[in-house]
Amino acid sequence: MNVLRGALLAASQNVWLRERAMRSRPVRRAVARFMPGESLEDALAAAGVLRDRGLTTILTQLGENVTDASEAETVTVHYLQVLERVRAAGLDAEVSVKLTQLGLDAGRELACRNLGRIAHRAQELGNRVFVDMESSAYTEATVDIFRGVRERHENVGLCLQAYLRRTAADIVDLLRLGPLIRLVKGAYREPAEIALQSRSEVDRSFLELATRLLDEPARRTGARLVLGTHDLPLLARVQAAAEARGASRQSFEIAMLYGIQREAQERLAREGFRVRVLISYGAHWFPWYMRRLAERPGNMLFVFRNYFGG
C-alpha cells in the first residue's frame, strides 16, 4: 500500500486528529470542495444545481457506528424525510445508507428492519436505495442483510469493493437476484490477506468484475452496474468492454463524488452516459474526508493551499 495512503487511512480513525481538524477553518474550507455543506438543505440545493447541468444525484448523510437504537431510529426517520423532500423538489436523487448508521452494531435485526423501512418507502415513491459497503468487519453482515431485503425490494442496490478478495464470489452468489451493484475500488485500510494492496491489482480486479456484470448472462438476470470511480482511463476500458459485449451506454451508470472530475461528469452526461453525483453532507465528515484523500493523495496539495493560504 502507498505510504501516504496508509497514513491517511490510519488518520481517519484517529480521534485526536478528528477533534482538531473539525475545528480548523482551513480544513473546513478544503472539505467544502467535496461537500456543499453539512445540512440536508445544502445537499438538496446542490442537487438542484446539478440537475440543471444534466446530472442526477445520490444523497448520503455522513455518519457511522451508531450503537443506540434510538439514534438509529433518528437516522432512519431522516432518510424517510429525505425521500419525501426529494420527491417534493422534483429531483432525480437516490439515497445511500450505511448499515452501521441504521444500528448494525446494535444488532442485525435492527439494521435490517430500518433498511427495510427506507426501501419500502423508496419503492412507493419510485426511488432507489443503495447500501454502502464499510470496512471488512461488516462485509458478511452487509451482504447478508442486503440479500434479505433485496428479496422483498427490487429497488435496493449494494456497493461492492473491487479490492476485497471475496468480491468475485459475492457477485456470483448475488447474480440470482439480478442485483443493482455499485462497484468501487475500496477506501478502507485492510490487510493483504483480505484486500489487494497495489493499484494495478485493484484496477485489474475492478475491470474484471465490471466486465462480469456486463456480460450477457449477468444482464439476462436483470443485473445493473454502477461504476463508482473517477479513474477516467479505467472507465474508458470498461466502456470498451461494454461495447465489445453489445452493451449500450445506457446499460450501466457512472457515479462520481461531488467536487471531483466536474468537467468529466458533464462531458460524460453529454456523451449519453447515465451519470450520478454522490453528494455527502452532515457533521460527521472527518473519517469520510480522510478516506477521500487516501483515494486521491494528490488532493493533499489542495488542503495545504487552503491551510497555508489563509
C-alpha atoms as a PDB file:
ATOM      1  CA  MET A   1       0.000   0.000   0.000  1.00  0.00           C
ATOM      2  CA  ASN A   2       1.217   3.515  -0.806  1.00  0.00           C
ATOM      3  CA  VAL A   3       2.770   5.036   2.354  1.00  0.00           C
ATOM      4  CA  LEU A   4       0.761   8.273   2.142  1.00  0.00           C
ATOM      5  CA  ARG A   5      -2.469   6.365   1.505  1.00  0.00           C
ATOM      6  CA  GLY A   6      -1.793   4.174   4.524  1.00  0.00           C
ATOM      7  CA  ALA A   7      -1.092   7.200   6.702  1.00  0.00           C
ATOM      8  CA  LEU A   8      -4.316   8.910   5.620  1.00  0.00           C
ATOM      9  CA  LEU A   9      -6.389   5.794   6.295  1.00  0.00           C
ATOM     10  CA  ALA A  10      -4.818   5.466   9.733  1.00  0.00           C
ATOM     11  CA  ALA A  11      -5.544   9.149  10.376  1.00  0.00           C
ATOM     12  CA  SER A  12      -9.218   8.610   9.516  1.00  0.00           C
ATOM     13  CA  GLN A  13      -9.542   6.580  12.733  1.00  0.00           C
ATOM     14  CA  ASN A  14      -7.604   8.974  14.957  1.00  0.00           C
ATOM     15  CA  VAL A  15      -9.888  10.707  17.477  1.00  0.00           C
ATOM     16  CA  TRP A  16      -7.311  13.377  18.399  1.00  0.00           C
ATOM     17  CA  LEU A  17      -6.878  14.413  14.766  1.00  0.00           C
ATOM     18  CA  ARG A  18     -10.613  14.347  14.155  1.00  0.00           C
ATOM     19  CA  GLU A  19     -11.376  16.698  17.023  1.00  0.00           C
ATOM     20  CA  ARG A  20      -8.760  19.224  15.932  1.00  0.00           C
ATOM     21  CA  ALA A  21      -9.425  19.025  12.198  1.00  0.00           C
ATOM     22  CA  MET A  22     -13.138  19.623  12.671  1.00  0.00           C
ATOM     23  CA  ARG A  23     -12.355  22.880  14.496  1.00  0.00           C
ATOM     24  CA  SER A  24      -9.871  24.057  11.847  1.00  0.00           C
ATOM     25  CA  ARG A  25     -11.243  26.697   9.481  1.00  0.00           C
ATOM     26  CA  PRO A  26      -8.650  25.953   6.737  1.00  0.00           C
ATOM     27  CA  VAL A  27      -9.509  22.241   6.846  1.00  0.00           C
ATOM     28  CA  ARG A  28     -13.226  23.024   6.708  1.00  0.00           C
ATOM     29  CA  ARG A  29     -12.589  25.216   3.665  1.00  0.00           C
ATOM     30  CA  ALA A  30     -10.791  22.311   1.983  1.00  0.00           C
ATOM     31  CA  VAL A  31     -13.636  19.925   2.839  1.00  0.00           C
ATOM     32  CA  ALA A  32     -16.099  22.325   1.171  1.00  0.00           C
ATOM     33  CA  ARG A  33     -14.643  21.324  -2.169  1.00  0.00           C
ATOM     34  CA  PHE A  34     -16.101  17.848  -1.728  1.00  0.00           C
ATOM     35  CA  MET A  35     -19.379  18.547   0.066  1.00  0.00           C
ATOM     36  CA  PRO A  36     -21.741  21.506  -0.387  1.00  0.00           C
ATOM     37  CA  GLY A  37     -22.490  21.832   3.332  1.00  0.00           C
ATOM     38  CA  GLU A  38     -23.481  19.950   6.449  1.00  0.00           C
ATOM     39  CA  SER A  39     -27.280  20.254   6.147  1.00  0.00           C
ATOM     40  CA  LEU A  40     -29.832  18.438   4.016  1.00  0.00           C
ATOM     41  CA  GLU A  41     -30.863  21.825   2.629  1.00  0.00           C
ATOM     42  CA  ASP A  42     -27.300  22.339   1.368  1.00  0.00           C
ATOM     43  CA  ALA A  43     -27.371  18.927  -0.315  1.00  0.00           C
ATOM     44  CA  LEU A  44     -30.765  19.477  -1.945  1.00  0.00           C
ATOM     45  CA  ALA A  45     -29.705  22.890  -3.250  1.00  0.00           C
ATOM     46  CA  ALA A  46     -26.582  21.339  -4.786  1.00  0.00           C
ATOM     47  CA  ALA A  47     -28.685  18.563  -6.328  1.00  0.00           C
ATOM     48  CA  GLY A  48     -30.874  21.217  -7.947  1.00  0.00           C
ATOM     49  CA  VAL A  49     -27.862  22.941  -9.484  1.00  0.00           C
ATOM     50  CA  LEU A  50     -26.556  19.638 -10.814  1.00  0.00           C
ATOM     51  CA  ARG A  51     -29.986  18.787 -12.247  1.00  0.00           C
ATOM     52  CA  ASP A  52     -29.799  21.969 -14.303  1.00  0.00           C
ATOM     53  CA  ARG A  53     -26.481  20.705 -15.673  1.00  0.00           C
ATOM     54  CA  GLY A  54     -27.983  17.388 -16.746  1.00  0.00           C
ATOM     55  CA  LEU A  55     -26.726  15.349 -13.796  1.00  0.00           C
ATOM     56  CA  THR A  56     -28.672  13.172 -11.379  1.00  0.00           C
ATOM     57  CA  THR A  57     -27.597  12.611  -7.791  1.00  0.00           C
ATOM     58  CA  ILE A  58     -27.239  10.331  -4.774  1.00  0.00           C
ATOM     59  CA  LEU A  59     -27.629  11.774  -1.268  1.00  0.00           C
ATOM     60  CA  THR A  60     -25.921  10.364   1.808  1.00  0.00           C
ATOM     61  CA  GLN A  61     -25.778  11.686   5.345  1.00  0.00           C
ATOM     62  CA  LEU A  62     -22.332  11.126   6.814  1.00  0.00           C
ATOM     63  CA  GLY A  63     -22.052   9.056   9.960  1.00  0.00           C
ATOM     64  CA  GLU A  64     -21.357   5.504  11.047  1.00  0.00           C
ATOM     65  CA  ASN A  65     -21.127   3.117  14.013  1.00  0.00           C
ATOM     66  CA  VAL A  66     -24.387   4.076  15.702  1.00  0.00           C
ATOM     67  CA  THR A  67     -24.833   1.828  18.734  1.00  0.00           C
ATOM     68  CA  ASP A  68     -28.029   3.240  20.229  1.00  0.00           C
ATOM     69  CA  ALA A  69     -31.380   2.076  18.843  1.00  0.00           C
ATOM     70  CA  SER A  70     -32.979   5.481  19.327  1.00  0.00           C
ATOM     71  CA  GLU A  71     -30.185   7.171  17.381  1.00  0.00           C
ATOM     72  CA  ALA A  72     -30.583   4.594  14.601  1.00  0.00           C
ATOM     73  CA  GLU A  73     -34.291   5.444  14.582  1.00  0.00           C
ATOM     74  CA  THR A  74     -33.420   9.134  14.175  1.00  0.00           C
ATOM     75  CA  VAL A  75     -31.214   8.316  11.172  1.00  0.00           C
ATOM     76  CA  THR A  76     -33.930   6.138   9.643  1.00  0.00           C
ATOM     77  CA  VAL A  77     -36.552   8.853  10.018  1.00  0.00           C
ATOM     78  CA  HIS A  78     -34.114  11.321   8.483  1.00  0.00           C
ATOM     79  CA  TYR A  79     -33.754   9.198   5.350  1.00  0.00           C
ATOM     80  CA  LEU A  80     -37.520   8.777   5.117  1.00  0.00           C
ATOM     81  CA  GLN A  81     -37.773  12.562   5.192  1.00  0.00           C
ATOM     82  CA  VAL A  82     -35.046  12.851   2.554  1.00  0.00           C
ATOM     83  CA  LEU A  83     -37.096  10.690   0.204  1.00  0.00           C
ATOM     84  CA  GLU A  84     -40.117  12.941   0.733  1.00  0.00           C
ATOM     85  CA  ARG A  85     -38.071  16.103   0.203  1.00  0.00           C
ATOM     86  CA  VAL A  86     -36.563  14.693  -2.987  1.00  0.00           C
ATOM     87  CA  ARG A  87     -39.991  13.983  -4.398  1.00  0.00           C
ATOM     88  CA  ALA A  88     -41.350  17.392  -3.384  1.00  0.00           C
ATOM     89  CA  ALA A  89     -38.401  19.099  -5.089  1.00  0.00           C
ATOM     90  CA  GLY A  90     -38.824  17.077  -8.288  1.00  0.00           C
ATOM     91  CA  LEU A  91     -35.267  15.756  -8.109  1.00  0.00           C
ATOM     92  CA  ASP A  92     -33.883  12.564  -9.607  1.00  0.00           C
ATOM     93  CA  ALA A  93     -31.931  11.781  -6.442  1.00  0.00           C
ATOM     94  CA  GLU A  94     -31.443   8.441  -4.711  1.00  0.00           C
ATOM     95  CA  VAL A  95     -30.228   7.813  -1.172  1.00  0.00           C
ATOM     96  CA  SER A  96     -27.275   5.767   0.016  1.00  0.00           C
ATOM     97  CA  VAL A  97     -27.035   4.468   3.592  1.00  0.00           C
ATOM     98  CA  LYS A  98     -24.524   2.726   5.822  1.00  0.00           C
ATOM     99  CA  LEU A  99     -25.861  -0.165   7.854  1.00  0.00           C
ATOM    100  CA  THR A 100     -23.880   0.944  10.910  1.00  0.00           C
ATOM    101  CA  GLN A 101     -25.874   4.196  10.679  1.00  0.00           C
ATOM    102  CA  LEU A 102     -29.028   2.111  10.906  1.00  0.00           C
ATOM    103  CA  GLY A 103     -27.930   0.243  14.020  1.00  0.00           C
ATOM    104  CA  LEU A 104     -25.911  -2.738  12.778  1.00  0.00           C
ATOM    105  CA  ASP A 105     -23.569  -2.522  15.781  1.00  0.00           C
ATOM    106  CA  ALA A 106     -26.652  -2.896  17.997  1.00  0.00           C
ATOM    107  CA  GLY A 107     -27.887  -5.948  16.076  1.00  0.00           C
ATOM    108  CA  ARG A 108     -28.534  -7.239  12.582  1.00  0.00           C
ATOM    109  CA  GLU A 109     -32.293  -7.342  13.040  1.00  0.00           C
ATOM    110  CA  LEU A 110     -32.404  -3.642  13.882  1.00  0.00           C
ATOM    111  CA  ALA A 111     -30.375  -2.636  10.822  1.00  0.00           C
ATOM    112  CA  CYS A 112     -32.369  -4.964   8.577  1.00  0.00           C
ATOM    113  CA  ARG A 113     -35.672  -3.588   9.848  1.00  0.00           C
ATOM    114  CA  ASN A 114     -34.590   0.033   9.392  1.00  0.00           C
ATOM    115  CA  LEU A 115     -33.231  -0.615   5.895  1.00  0.00           C
ATOM    116  CA  GLY A 116     -36.495  -2.352   5.008  1.00  0.00           C
ATOM    117  CA  ARG A 117     -38.495   0.693   6.098  1.00  0.00           C
ATOM    118  CA  ILE A 118     -36.416   3.011   3.923  1.00  0.00           C
ATOM    119  CA  ALA A 119     -36.520   0.634   0.962  1.00  0.00           C
ATOM    120  CA  HIS A 120     -40.296   0.220   1.266  1.00  0.00           C
ATOM    121  CA  ARG A 121     -40.970   3.938   1.204  1.00  0.00           C
ATOM    122  CA  ALA A 122     -38.489   4.481  -1.614  1.00  0.00           C
ATOM    123  CA  GLN A 123     -40.238   1.796  -3.637  1.00  0.00           C
ATOM    124  CA  GLU A 124     -43.593   3.500  -3.070  1.00  0.00           C
ATOM    125  CA  LEU A 125     -42.058   6.720  -4.372  1.00  0.00           C
ATOM    126  CA  GLY A 126     -40.390   5.083  -7.374  1.00  0.00           C
ATOM    127  CA  ASN A 127     -36.913   5.646  -5.962  1.00  0.00           C
ATOM    128  CA  ARG A 128     -33.844   3.533  -5.180  1.00  0.00           C
ATOM    129  CA  VAL A 129     -31.733   2.952  -2.071  1.00  0.00           C
ATOM    130  CA  PHE A 130     -28.093   1.910  -2.044  1.00  0.00           C
ATOM    131  CA  VAL A 131     -26.377   0.133   0.831  1.00  0.00           C
ATOM    132  CA  ASP A 132     -22.816   1.375   1.227  1.00  0.00           C
ATOM    133  CA  MET A 133     -20.059  -1.086   1.993  1.00  0.00           C
ATOM    134  CA  GLU A 134     -17.962  -0.358   5.067  1.00  0.00           C
ATOM    135  CA  SER A 135     -14.803  -1.979   6.423  1.00  0.00           C
ATOM    136  CA  SER A 136     -14.297  -5.730   6.040  1.00  0.00           C
ATOM    137  CA  ALA A 137     -15.529  -6.356   9.589  1.00  0.00           C
ATOM    138  CA  TYR A 138     -19.026  -5.631   8.255  1.00  0.00           C
ATOM    139  CA  THR A 139     -18.848  -7.193   4.797  1.00  0.00           C
ATOM    140  CA  GLU A 140     -20.506 -10.510   5.616  1.00  0.00           C
ATOM    141  CA  ALA A 141     -23.343  -8.907   7.574  1.00  0.00           C
ATOM    142  CA  THR A 142     -23.867  -6.235   4.927  1.00  0.00           C
ATOM    143  CA  VAL A 143     -24.145  -8.773   2.107  1.00  0.00           C
ATOM    144  CA  ASP A 144     -26.488 -10.953   4.159  1.00  0.00           C
ATOM    145  CA  ILE A 145     -28.783  -8.065   5.104  1.00  0.00           C
ATOM    146  CA  PHE A 146     -28.814  -6.784   1.544  1.00  0.00           C
ATOM    147  CA  ARG A 147     -29.717 -10.245   0.269  1.00  0.00           C
ATOM    148  CA  GLY A 148     -32.639 -10.498   2.657  1.00  0.00           C
ATOM    149  CA  VAL A 149     -34.034  -7.027   1.938  1.00  0.00           C
ATOM    150  CA  ARG A 150     -33.460  -7.407  -1.800  1.00  0.00           C
ATOM    151  CA  GLU A 151     -35.731 -10.457  -1.824  1.00  0.00           C
ATOM    152  CA  ARG A 152     -38.590  -8.095  -0.915  1.00  0.00           C
ATOM    153  CA  HIS A 153     -37.482  -4.844  -2.528  1.00  0.00           C
ATOM    154  CA  GLU A 154     -36.014  -4.785  -6.028  1.00  0.00           C
ATOM    155  CA  ASN A 155     -35.120  -1.109  -5.678  1.00  0.00           C
ATOM    156  CA  VAL A 156     -32.238  -1.801  -3.259  1.00  0.00           C
ATOM    157  CA  GLY A 157     -28.658  -1.751  -4.510  1.00  0.00           C
ATOM    158  CA  LEU A 158     -25.377  -2.763  -2.911  1.00  0.00           C
ATOM    159  CA  CYS A 159     -21.913  -1.252  -3.036  1.00  0.00           C
ATOM    160  CA  LEU A 160     -19.115  -3.814  -3.551  1.00  0.00           C
ATOM    161  CA  GLN A 161     -15.388  -3.161  -3.283  1.00  0.00           C
ATOM    162  CA  ALA A 162     -13.056  -4.373  -6.018  1.00  0.00           C
ATOM    163  CA  TYR A 163     -10.051  -4.633  -3.706  1.00  0.00           C
ATOM    164  CA  LEU A 164     -11.641  -7.269  -1.473  1.00  0.00           C
ATOM    165  CA  ARG A 165     -10.569 -10.781  -2.448  1.00  0.00           C
ATOM    166  CA  ARG A 166     -14.061 -12.137  -1.731  1.00  0.00           C
ATOM    167  CA  THR A 167     -15.966  -9.801  -4.075  1.00  0.00           C
ATOM    168  CA  ALA A 168     -15.860 -12.029  -7.162  1.00  0.00           C
ATOM    169  CA  ALA A 169     -17.532 -14.831  -5.196  1.00  0.00           C
ATOM    170  CA  ASP A 170     -20.089 -12.383  -3.761  1.00  0.00           C
ATOM    171  CA  ILE A 171     -21.072 -11.293  -7.263  1.00  0.00           C
ATOM    172  CA  VAL A 172     -21.529 -14.875  -8.410  1.00  0.00           C
ATOM    173  CA  ASP A 173     -23.712 -15.575  -5.367  1.00  0.00           C
ATOM    174  CA  LEU A 174     -25.823 -12.431  -5.825  1.00  0.00           C
ATOM    175  CA  LEU A 175     -26.441 -12.770  -9.553  1.00  0.00           C
ATOM    176  CA  ARG A 176     -29.518 -14.911  -8.954  1.00  0.00           C
ATOM    177  CA  LEU A 177     -31.149 -11.768  -7.536  1.00  0.00           C
ATOM    178  CA  GLY A 178     -30.491  -9.687 -10.634  1.00  0.00           C
ATOM    179  CA  PRO A 179     -28.757  -7.199  -8.350  1.00  0.00           C
ATOM    180  CA  LEU A 180     -28.088  -3.493  -8.655  1.00  0.00           C
ATOM    181  CA  ILE A 181     -24.372  -3.179  -7.875  1.00  0.00           C
ATOM    182  CA  ARG A 182     -22.274  -0.063  -7.405  1.00  0.00           C
ATOM    183  CA  LEU A 183     -18.681  -1.161  -7.882  1.00  0.00           C
ATOM    184  CA  VAL A 184     -15.945   0.886  -6.211  1.00  0.00           C
ATOM    185  CA  LYS A 185     -12.243   0.283  -5.704  1.00  0.00           C
ATOM    186  CA  GLY A 186     -12.334   0.350  -1.879  1.00  0.00           C
ATOM    187  CA  ALA A 187     -11.331   3.013   0.632  1.00  0.00           C
ATOM    188  CA  TYR A 188     -10.598   1.319   3.970  1.00  0.00           C
ATOM    189  CA  ARG A 189      -7.342   0.139   5.465  1.00  0.00           C
ATOM    190  CA  GLU A 190      -7.385  -3.649   5.068  1.00  0.00           C
ATOM    191  CA  PRO A 191      -4.697  -6.353   5.480  1.00  0.00           C
ATOM    192  CA  ALA A 192      -3.227  -8.144   2.466  1.00  0.00           C
ATOM    193  CA  GLU A 193      -4.972 -11.421   3.259  1.00  0.00           C
ATOM    194  CA  ILE A 194      -8.328  -9.659   2.852  1.00  0.00           C
ATOM    195  CA  ALA A 195      -7.677  -6.994   0.215  1.00  0.00           C
ATOM    196  CA  LEU A 196      -5.453  -6.383  -2.786  1.00  0.00           C
ATOM    197  CA  GLN A 197      -2.778  -3.822  -1.982  1.00  0.00           C
ATOM    198  CA  SER A 198      -1.354  -2.475  -5.243  1.00  0.00           C
ATOM    199  CA  ARG A 199      -3.146  -0.040  -7.514  1.00  0.00           C
ATOM    200  CA  SER A 200      -2.554  -2.202 -10.580  1.00  0.00           C
ATOM    201  CA  GLU A 201      -4.119  -5.236  -8.877  1.00  0.00           C
ATOM    202  CA  VAL A 202      -7.150  -3.244  -7.765  1.00  0.00           C
ATOM    203  CA  ASP A 203      -7.617  -1.746 -11.233  1.00  0.00           C
ATOM    204  CA  ARG A 204      -7.399  -5.207 -12.796  1.00  0.00           C
ATOM    205  CA  SER A 205      -9.954  -6.556 -10.353  1.00  0.00           C
ATOM    206  CA  PHE A 206     -12.294  -3.613 -10.975  1.00  0.00           C
ATOM    207  CA  LEU A 207     -12.183  -4.194 -14.737  1.00  0.00           C
ATOM    208  CA  GLU A 208     -12.710  -7.956 -14.389  1.00  0.00           C
ATOM    209  CA  LEU A 209     -15.656  -7.552 -12.011  1.00  0.00           C
ATOM    210  CA  ALA A 210     -17.265  -4.820 -14.118  1.00  0.00           C
ATOM    211  CA  THR A 211     -16.875  -6.952 -17.224  1.00  0.00           C
ATOM    212  CA  ARG A 212     -18.522  -9.906 -15.485  1.00  0.00           C
ATOM    213  CA  LEU A 213     -21.526  -7.728 -14.629  1.00  0.00           C
ATOM    214  CA  LEU A 214     -21.725  -6.502 -18.225  1.00  0.00           C
ATOM    215  CA  ASP A 215     -21.613  -9.982 -19.724  1.00  0.00           C
ATOM    216  CA  GLU A 216     -24.818 -11.206 -21.342  1.00  0.00           C
ATOM    217  CA  PRO A 217     -25.514 -13.900 -18.689  1.00  0.00           C
ATOM    218  CA  ALA A 218     -25.424 -11.263 -15.924  1.00  0.00           C
ATOM    219  CA  ARG A 219     -27.567  -8.815 -17.890  1.00  0.00           C
ATOM    220  CA  ARG A 220     -30.126 -11.550 -18.504  1.00  0.00           C
ATOM    221  CA  THR A 221     -30.632 -11.842 -14.746  1.00  0.00           C
ATOM    222  CA  GLY A 222     -31.513  -8.139 -14.654  1.00  0.00           C
ATOM    223  CA  ALA A 223     -28.238  -7.146 -13.006  1.00  0.00           C
ATOM    224  CA  ARG A 224     -27.373  -3.452 -13.281  1.00  0.00           C
ATOM    225  CA  LEU A 225     -23.910  -1.978 -12.862  1.00  0.00           C
ATOM    226  CA  VAL A 226     -22.947   1.408 -11.453  1.00  0.00           C
ATOM    227  CA  LEU A 227     -19.279   2.309 -11.857  1.00  0.00           C
ATOM    228  CA  GLY A 228     -18.168   4.242  -8.779  1.00  0.00           C
ATOM    229  CA  THR A 229     -14.809   5.663  -9.849  1.00  0.00           C
ATOM    230  CA  HIS A 230     -13.147   8.864 -11.024  1.00  0.00           C
ATOM    231  CA  ASP A 231     -10.458   6.930 -12.897  1.00  0.00           C
ATOM    232  CA  LEU A 232     -11.145   8.074 -16.469  1.00  0.00           C
ATOM    233  CA  PRO A 233      -8.721   5.653 -18.194  1.00  0.00           C
ATOM    234  CA  LEU A 234     -10.314   2.771 -16.280  1.00  0.00           C
ATOM    235  CA  LEU A 235     -13.790   3.988 -17.239  1.00  0.00           C
ATOM    236  CA  ALA A 236     -12.685   4.022 -20.871  1.00  0.00           C
ATOM    237  CA  ARG A 237     -11.543   0.402 -20.566  1.00  0.00           C
ATOM    238  CA  VAL A 238     -14.886  -0.614 -19.060  1.00  0.00           C
ATOM    239  CA  GLN A 239     -16.705   1.256 -21.826  1.00  0.00           C
ATOM    240  CA  ALA A 240     -14.695  -0.658 -24.435  1.00  0.00           C
ATOM    241  CA  ALA A 241     -15.562  -3.931 -22.704  1.00  0.00           C
ATOM    242  CA  ALA A 242     -19.247  -2.961 -22.715  1.00  0.00           C
ATOM    243  CA  GLU A 243     -19.206  -2.148 -26.414  1.00  0.00           C
ATOM    244  CA  ALA A 244     -17.470  -5.445 -27.176  1.00  0.00           C
ATOM    245  CA  ARG A 245     -20.368  -7.217 -25.451  1.00  0.00           C
ATOM    246  CA  GLY A 246     -23.073  -5.250 -27.175  1.00  0.00           C
ATOM    247  CA  ALA A 247     -23.992  -3.314 -24.038  1.00  0.00           C
ATOM    248  CA  SER A 248     -25.134   0.251 -24.684  1.00  0.00           C
ATOM    249  CA  ARG A 249     -24.072   3.323 -22.739  1.00  0.00           C
ATOM    250  CA  GLN A 250     -27.470   3.244 -21.043  1.00  0.00           C
ATOM    251  CA  SER A 251     -26.909  -0.289 -19.751  1.00  0.00           C
ATOM    252  CA  PHE A 252     -24.732   0.935 -16.882  1.00  0.00           C
ATOM    253  CA  GLU A 253     -24.283   4.092 -14.826  1.00  0.00           C
ATOM    254  CA  ILE A 254     -21.329   6.148 -13.612  1.00  0.00           C
ATOM    255  CA  ALA A 255     -21.198   7.562 -10.080  1.00  0.00           C
ATOM    256  CA  MET A 256     -18.702  10.223  -9.035  1.00  0.00           C
ATOM    257  CA  LEU A 257     -18.286  12.299  -5.907  1.00  0.00           C
ATOM    258  CA  TYR A 258     -19.374  15.899  -5.684  1.00  0.00           C
ATOM    259  CA  GLY A 259     -16.477  18.214  -6.499  1.00  0.00           C
ATOM    260  CA  ILE A 260     -14.283  15.653  -8.276  1.00  0.00           C
ATOM    261  CA  GLN A 261     -13.903  15.482 -12.063  1.00  0.00           C
ATOM    262  CA  ARG A 262     -16.648  18.078 -12.521  1.00  0.00           C
ATOM    263  CA  GLU A 263     -15.903  18.713 -16.192  1.00  0.00           C
ATOM    264  CA  ALA A 264     -15.714  14.984 -16.885  1.00  0.00           C
ATOM    265  CA  GLN A 265     -19.088  14.434 -15.184  1.00  0.00           C
ATOM    266  CA  GLU A 266     -20.804  16.891 -17.512  1.00  0.00           C
ATOM    267  CA  ARG A 267     -18.935  15.658 -20.575  1.00  0.00           C
ATOM    268  CA  LEU A 268     -19.899  12.043 -19.917  1.00  0.00           C
ATOM    269  CA  ALA A 269     -23.533  13.071 -19.484  1.00  0.00           C
ATOM    270  CA  ARG A 270     -23.449  14.933 -22.794  1.00  0.00           C
ATOM    271  CA  GLU A 271     -21.989  11.828 -24.426  1.00  0.00           C
ATOM    272  CA  GLY A 272     -25.038   9.807 -23.397  1.00  0.00           C
ATOM    273  CA  PHE A 273     -23.838   8.098 -20.225  1.00  0.00           C
ATOM    274  CA  ARG A 274     -26.040   7.953 -17.142  1.00  0.00           C
ATOM    275  CA  VAL A 275     -24.054   9.949 -14.554  1.00  0.00           C
ATOM    276  CA  ARG A 276     -24.916  10.371 -10.876  1.00  0.00           C
ATOM    277  CA  VAL A 277     -23.089  12.636  -8.446  1.00  0.00           C
ATOM    278  CA  LEU A 278     -22.797  11.422  -4.851  1.00  0.00           C
ATOM    279  CA  ILE A 279     -23.480  14.342  -2.514  1.00  0.00           C
ATOM    280  CA  SER A 280     -22.412  13.806   1.081  1.00  0.00           C
ATOM    281  CA  TYR A 281     -23.497  16.066   3.907  1.00  0.00           C
ATOM    282  CA  GLY A 282     -23.546  16.109   7.702  1.00  0.00           C
ATOM    283  CA  ALA A 283     -21.356  16.983  10.656  1.00  0.00           C
ATOM    284  CA  HIS A 284     -19.510  13.639  10.849  1.00  0.00           C
ATOM    285  CA  TRP A 285     -17.275  14.295   7.853  1.00  0.00           C
ATOM    286  CA  PHE A 286     -13.742  13.693   9.139  1.00  0.00           C
ATOM    287  CA  PRO A 287     -13.346   9.899   8.604  1.00  0.00           C
ATOM    288  CA  TRP A 288     -15.076  10.155   5.213  1.00  0.00           C
ATOM    289  CA  TYR A 289     -12.874  13.074   4.149  1.00  0.00           C
ATOM    290  CA  MET A 290      -9.640  11.316   5.082  1.00  0.00           C
ATOM    291  CA  ARG A 291     -10.707   8.246   3.079  1.00  0.00           C
ATOM    292  CA  ARG A 292     -11.396  10.509   0.094  1.00  0.00           C
ATOM    293  CA  LEU A 293      -7.895  11.953   0.385  1.00  0.00           C
ATOM    294  CA  ALA A 294      -6.484   8.430   0.609  1.00  0.00           C
ATOM    295  CA  GLU A 295      -8.191   7.555  -2.676  1.00  0.00           C
ATOM    296  CA  ARG A 296      -6.544  10.565  -4.343  1.00  0.00           C
ATOM    297  CA  PRO A 297      -3.479  11.621  -2.290  1.00  0.00           C
ATOM    298  CA  GLY A 298      -2.825  14.358  -4.858  1.00  0.00           C
ATOM    299  CA  ASN A 299      -5.672  16.255  -3.224  1.00  0.00           C
ATOM    300  CA  MET A 300      -3.383  16.870  -0.241  1.00  0.00           C
ATOM    301  CA  LEU A 301      -1.897  19.757  -2.254  1.00  0.00           C
ATOM    302  CA  PHE A 302      -5.338  21.369  -2.249  1.00  0.00           C
ATOM    303  CA  VAL A 303      -5.524  21.021   1.540  1.00  0.00           C
ATOM    304  CA  PHE A 304      -2.100  22.592   2.019  1.00  0.00           C
ATOM    305  CA  ARG A 305      -3.019  25.530  -0.203  1.00  0.00           C
ATOM    306  CA  ASN A 306      -6.130  26.164   1.881  1.00  0.00           C
ATOM    307  CA  TYR A 307      -4.255  25.806   5.155  1.00  0.00           C
ATOM    308  CA  PHE A 308      -1.280  27.986   4.370  1.00  0.00           C
ATOM    309  CA  GLY A 309      -3.126  30.343   2.065  1.00  0.00           C
ATOM    310  CA  GLY A 310      -5.197  31.765   4.889  1.00  0.00           C
END
